[in-house]
Protein backbone atom coordinates (compact mmCIF):
# COMPACT_ATOMS: atom_id res chain seq x y z
CA MET A 1 72.64 56.31 86.24
CA LYS A 2 74.79 54.36 83.78
CA LEU A 3 74.16 55.46 80.20
CA PRO A 4 74.09 52.82 77.45
CA PRO A 5 76.82 52.82 74.77
CA THR A 6 76.20 55.25 71.94
CA TYR A 7 77.84 57.13 69.10
CA GLN A 8 76.88 59.88 66.67
CA VAL A 9 77.19 60.34 62.91
CA PHE A 10 77.28 63.79 61.30
CA ALA A 11 77.08 63.98 57.49
CA LEU A 12 78.54 67.16 55.99
CA GLU A 13 77.40 68.75 52.75
CA SER A 14 80.05 70.08 50.39
CA LYS A 15 80.43 72.08 47.24
CA LEU A 16 80.75 70.01 44.09
CA ILE A 17 84.38 68.96 43.79
CA ARG A 18 85.65 69.38 40.24
CA PRO A 19 88.31 67.34 38.42
CA GLY A 20 91.77 68.34 39.62
CA GLU A 21 90.42 70.17 42.70
CA GLU A 22 91.96 69.42 46.11
CA VAL A 23 89.65 67.67 48.57
CA PHE A 24 91.11 68.97 51.83
CA PRO A 25 90.17 72.66 51.34
CA ALA A 26 86.63 71.53 50.44
CA PHE A 27 86.53 69.52 53.67
CA ILE A 28 87.63 72.51 55.74
CA ALA A 29 85.06 74.71 53.99
CA SER A 30 82.39 72.12 54.73
CA LEU A 31 83.28 72.12 58.44
CA GLU A 32 83.15 75.92 58.53
CA SER A 33 79.85 76.18 56.66
CA HIS A 34 78.23 73.87 59.23
CA GLY A 35 79.97 75.53 62.17
CA PHE A 36 81.26 72.08 63.06
CA GLN A 37 84.43 71.50 65.06
CA LEU A 38 86.34 68.25 65.08
CA GLU A 39 87.28 66.61 68.37
CA ASN A 40 90.07 64.21 69.24
CA ASP A 41 89.07 60.59 68.54
CA ASP A 42 86.54 61.57 65.87
CA ILE A 43 86.57 59.38 62.77
CA VAL A 44 86.33 61.17 59.43
CA VAL A 45 84.70 59.11 56.68
CA ILE A 46 85.20 60.24 53.08
CA ALA A 47 83.71 58.96 49.83
CA SER A 48 86.44 57.68 47.53
CA LYS A 49 84.97 59.40 44.47
CA VAL A 50 86.12 62.84 45.57
CA PHE A 51 89.73 61.63 45.43
CA SER A 52 89.08 60.15 42.01
CA TYR A 53 88.13 63.67 40.94
CA GLN A 54 91.08 65.23 42.75
CA ASN A 55 93.52 62.97 40.90
CA ASN A 56 91.73 63.17 37.53
CA LEU A 57 91.05 59.43 37.53
CA MET A 58 88.52 59.64 34.74
CA LEU A 59 88.45 58.07 31.32
CA LYS A 60 86.48 59.30 28.34
CA LEU A 61 84.56 56.42 26.80
CA ASP A 62 84.89 57.75 23.26
CA GLU A 63 88.67 57.39 23.57
CA ILE A 64 88.54 53.70 24.54
CA GLU A 65 89.05 51.05 21.85
CA PRO A 66 87.68 47.70 23.09
CA SER A 67 89.74 44.59 22.45
CA PRO A 68 88.14 41.47 20.95
CA HIS A 69 88.22 39.95 24.43
CA ALA A 70 86.33 42.94 25.86
CA ARG A 71 83.78 42.79 23.06
CA TRP A 72 83.18 39.11 23.75
CA ILE A 73 82.67 39.64 27.49
CA ALA A 74 80.50 42.71 26.84
CA GLU A 75 78.21 40.66 24.59
CA LYS A 76 77.86 37.98 27.27
CA ALA A 77 77.06 40.57 29.96
CA ASN A 78 75.03 42.89 27.70
CA MET A 79 77.19 45.91 28.53
CA ASP A 80 79.11 48.64 26.71
CA PRO A 81 82.31 47.07 25.27
CA ARG A 82 84.24 50.20 26.19
CA VAL A 83 83.24 49.78 29.83
CA ALA A 84 84.20 46.11 29.68
CA GLU A 85 87.62 47.10 28.32
CA ILE A 86 88.23 49.48 31.21
CA VAL A 87 87.11 46.90 33.75
CA ILE A 88 89.47 44.30 32.27
CA ARG A 89 92.37 46.76 32.52
CA GLU A 90 91.54 47.78 36.09
CA CYS A 91 91.38 44.20 37.37
CA ASP A 92 94.29 42.94 35.25
CA ASN A 93 91.91 40.56 33.47
CA GLN A 94 90.82 38.90 36.72
CA VAL A 95 87.19 38.51 35.65
CA ILE A 96 85.51 35.78 37.69
CA GLY A 97 82.09 35.89 36.01
CA TRP A 98 79.22 38.15 35.06
CA VAL A 99 75.52 38.90 35.33
CA TYR A 100 73.46 41.46 33.44
CA ARG A 101 75.66 44.55 32.84
CA VAL A 102 78.05 43.70 35.68
CA LEU A 103 81.36 41.83 35.76
CA LEU A 104 82.53 40.17 38.97
CA THR A 105 86.21 40.99 39.32
CA GLU A 106 89.10 40.40 41.68
CA THR A 107 91.38 43.30 42.65
CA LYS A 108 93.63 44.08 45.63
CA HIS A 109 90.47 45.25 47.41
CA GLY A 110 88.84 41.83 47.03
CA LEU A 111 85.86 40.92 44.87
CA SER A 112 83.91 43.81 43.41
CA ALA A 113 81.53 44.80 40.65
CA ASN A 114 83.29 46.15 37.55
CA ALA A 115 86.60 46.58 39.42
CA GLY A 116 85.14 49.58 41.21
CA ILE A 117 84.75 51.76 38.12
CA ASP A 118 81.66 53.94 38.18
CA LEU A 119 79.49 55.76 35.68
CA SER A 120 77.29 57.32 38.38
CA ASN A 121 78.24 60.82 39.52
CA ALA A 122 80.68 61.02 36.63
CA PRO A 123 80.39 63.60 33.83
CA PRO A 124 78.44 62.31 30.82
CA GLY A 125 80.60 60.11 28.64
CA TYR A 126 83.18 59.43 31.36
CA VAL A 127 83.82 56.74 33.96
CA LEU A 128 85.53 57.17 37.33
CA LEU A 129 88.31 54.88 38.50
CA LEU A 130 89.09 54.09 42.13
CA PRO A 131 91.81 56.21 43.77
CA ARG A 132 95.29 54.76 43.78
CA ASN A 133 96.90 53.94 47.16
CA PRO A 134 93.92 54.94 49.33
CA ASP A 135 95.77 54.03 52.55
CA GLU A 136 98.33 56.73 51.81
CA ILE A 137 95.54 59.18 50.93
CA ALA A 138 93.95 58.48 54.33
CA ARG A 139 97.29 58.91 56.10
CA GLN A 140 98.03 62.24 54.41
CA PHE A 141 94.50 63.53 55.02
CA ARG A 142 94.78 62.67 58.71
CA LYS A 143 98.16 64.40 58.87
CA LYS A 144 96.68 67.57 57.33
CA ILE A 145 93.88 67.57 59.91
CA LYS A 146 96.43 67.32 62.70
CA GLU A 147 98.54 70.13 61.24
CA LYS A 148 95.68 72.54 60.55
CA LEU A 149 93.19 71.76 63.31
CA GLY A 150 95.40 70.14 65.96
CA LYS A 151 93.12 67.11 66.32
CA ASP A 152 94.01 63.42 66.37
CA VAL A 153 91.36 61.63 64.37
CA GLY A 154 90.92 58.48 62.35
CA VAL A 155 90.27 58.61 58.61
CA ILE A 156 88.45 56.06 56.45
CA ILE A 157 88.15 56.24 52.65
CA ILE A 158 85.10 54.23 51.55
CA ASP A 159 83.51 52.76 48.47
CA SER A 160 80.28 50.80 47.90
CA ARG A 161 80.06 47.02 47.86
CA THR A 162 77.35 44.38 47.70
CA ILE A 163 76.92 41.33 49.94
CA PRO A 164 76.35 37.90 48.33
CA LEU A 165 72.66 37.07 47.90
CA ARG A 166 71.55 40.33 49.56
CA LYS A 167 70.05 43.35 47.83
CA GLY A 168 71.53 46.78 48.45
CA THR A 169 74.97 48.19 49.02
CA SER A 170 77.09 48.67 52.11
CA ALA A 171 80.54 50.23 52.48
CA ILE A 172 84.05 48.89 52.31
CA ALA A 173 87.07 50.71 53.69
CA LEU A 174 89.56 51.18 50.86
CA GLY A 175 91.94 53.30 52.92
CA ILE A 176 92.39 53.57 56.68
CA SER A 177 94.58 55.59 59.04
CA GLY A 178 94.44 56.05 62.79
CA LEU A 179 92.24 53.10 63.68
CA PRO A 180 92.32 49.33 63.21
CA ALA A 181 90.62 47.78 60.21
CA ILE A 182 89.22 44.91 62.27
CA ILE A 183 88.64 43.89 65.87
CA ASP A 184 89.97 40.39 66.40
CA GLU A 185 87.71 38.45 68.77
CA ARG A 186 89.58 35.16 68.46
CA GLY A 187 90.41 33.83 71.91
CA SER A 188 87.62 35.79 73.59
CA LYS A 189 84.80 33.91 75.31
CA ASP A 190 81.09 34.20 74.63
CA LEU A 191 78.30 34.39 77.23
CA TYR A 192 78.59 30.67 77.92
CA GLY A 193 82.37 30.51 78.10
CA TYR A 194 83.01 29.14 74.62
CA LYS A 195 86.22 30.42 73.07
CA MET A 196 85.80 32.28 69.78
CA MET A 197 87.80 30.60 67.03
CA ILE A 198 87.27 32.62 63.82
CA THR A 199 85.29 35.77 64.67
CA THR A 200 86.70 39.14 63.64
CA ARG A 201 84.59 42.29 63.43
CA ALA A 202 84.80 44.46 60.32
CA LEU A 203 85.29 47.68 62.27
CA ALA A 204 86.23 50.11 59.50
CA ASP A 205 83.71 48.66 57.03
CA ASN A 206 80.93 48.88 59.61
CA ILE A 207 81.76 52.48 60.52
CA GLY A 208 81.75 53.37 56.82
CA THR A 209 78.40 51.65 56.31
CA ALA A 210 76.87 53.55 59.25
CA ALA A 211 78.11 56.81 57.77
CA THR A 212 76.71 56.11 54.29
CA ILE A 213 73.17 55.98 55.70
CA LEU A 214 73.41 59.77 55.97
CA MET A 215 76.00 60.45 53.26
CA GLY A 216 73.87 58.84 50.56
CA GLU A 217 75.02 57.58 47.18
CA THR A 218 73.19 59.69 44.58
CA ASN A 219 72.79 63.49 44.55
CA GLU A 220 73.02 64.29 48.28
CA ARG A 221 76.42 65.97 47.91
CA ARG A 222 77.59 64.75 51.33
CA PRO A 223 81.01 63.21 50.67
CA PHE A 224 82.18 63.71 54.27
CA ALA A 225 80.93 62.34 57.58
CA VAL A 226 82.22 62.47 61.14
CA VAL A 227 81.62 59.58 63.54
CA ARG A 228 81.91 60.61 67.19
CA GLY A 229 81.87 58.71 70.46
CA LEU A 230 83.48 55.38 69.58
CA ARG A 231 86.82 56.15 71.28
CA ILE A 232 88.77 53.64 69.25
CA THR A 233 91.24 55.83 67.38
CA GLN A 234 94.92 55.16 67.90
CA PRO A 235 97.02 58.24 67.08
CA ASN A 236 100.17 56.26 66.31
CA LEU A 237 98.49 53.59 64.22
CA ASP A 238 98.81 53.67 60.45
CA SER A 239 96.55 50.72 59.80
CA VAL A 240 96.25 49.54 56.22
CA SER A 241 93.07 48.29 54.64
CA GLN A 242 94.84 45.13 53.49
CA SER A 243 94.90 43.90 57.10
CA ALA A 244 91.20 43.16 56.57
CA ALA A 245 91.77 41.26 53.33
CA MET A 246 91.08 37.51 53.34
CA PRO A 247 92.67 34.90 51.05
CA PRO A 248 90.05 33.37 48.73
CA HIS A 249 90.48 29.85 50.12
CA GLU A 250 89.55 31.07 53.63
CA CYS A 251 86.38 32.89 52.54
CA LEU A 252 83.10 31.16 53.37
CA TYR A 253 81.44 32.49 50.19
CA VAL A 254 84.32 32.28 47.77
CA GLY A 255 86.40 29.39 49.06
CA PRO A 256 84.11 26.51 48.00
CA LEU A 257 83.52 27.99 44.54
CA TYR A 258 86.50 30.15 43.65
CA SER A 259 88.87 27.78 41.89
CA ASN A 260 86.15 25.96 39.95
CA ILE A 261 84.47 29.17 38.77
CA LYS A 262 87.76 30.77 37.77
CA GLU A 263 88.87 27.69 35.83
CA LYS A 264 85.55 27.49 33.99
CA VAL A 265 85.61 31.17 33.04
CA GLN A 266 89.18 30.94 31.78
CA LYS A 267 88.31 27.82 29.77
CA ILE A 268 85.27 29.50 28.20
CA GLN A 269 87.32 32.57 27.32
CA ALA A 270 90.05 30.48 25.76
CA GLU A 271 87.58 28.49 23.66
CA GLU A 272 85.69 31.57 22.45
CA LEU A 273 88.82 33.49 21.56
């Protein structure tokens, strides 16, 4: 009997990781507390916030002095001017627009809400910033797993993202090592023999989204997950998340609107200031 394709996701609970505390020992302790053993070709998915804690990427709001520009944007978006100031810094002033309490920003990870900064699961009065160089974090984490446990695995560092005109969040791979970011289907044929011209599959993002169903995003305390059974890891591949990035003019959602929106926002800002 031929079994249908399948894979498994295991979400692992962890102790609360404190600012300045190393993530890898907490990961090993989580494996041991569950009696869980990694296997070759597993994919380890990790929430980016734990690395923000590890590297003390937190800012105290009371120590932030908003600029006039930040105060103006904060008034438009009905948000804390100190938060607006941090967002502006994190995205190098690449603010595309805003809705209630959220700024749409452009960073090296693409478009995101508030440049990825987060007040949730941060100590009161603080905000968390995204980890720097998440591809290198993923590479080093994978190397440590190989050295300590002798297993070749893939590693994905994830954050939350929204999809245009859809409620709810999914995951985006900020850092990747040991597996490709995308599967390129261009040149392949469909069921009727038509050649695919533009289709690529968001492999790492989709794996991260599947894992977050069990990891959660509030108080579950499951920052780690293991995805097993996909058999797509490549031990010698140091894939980078930027291989999944798309130029704005090629994006179906952003391309038709991007330049006009950006020009209008910049004009409004210039006139107000």
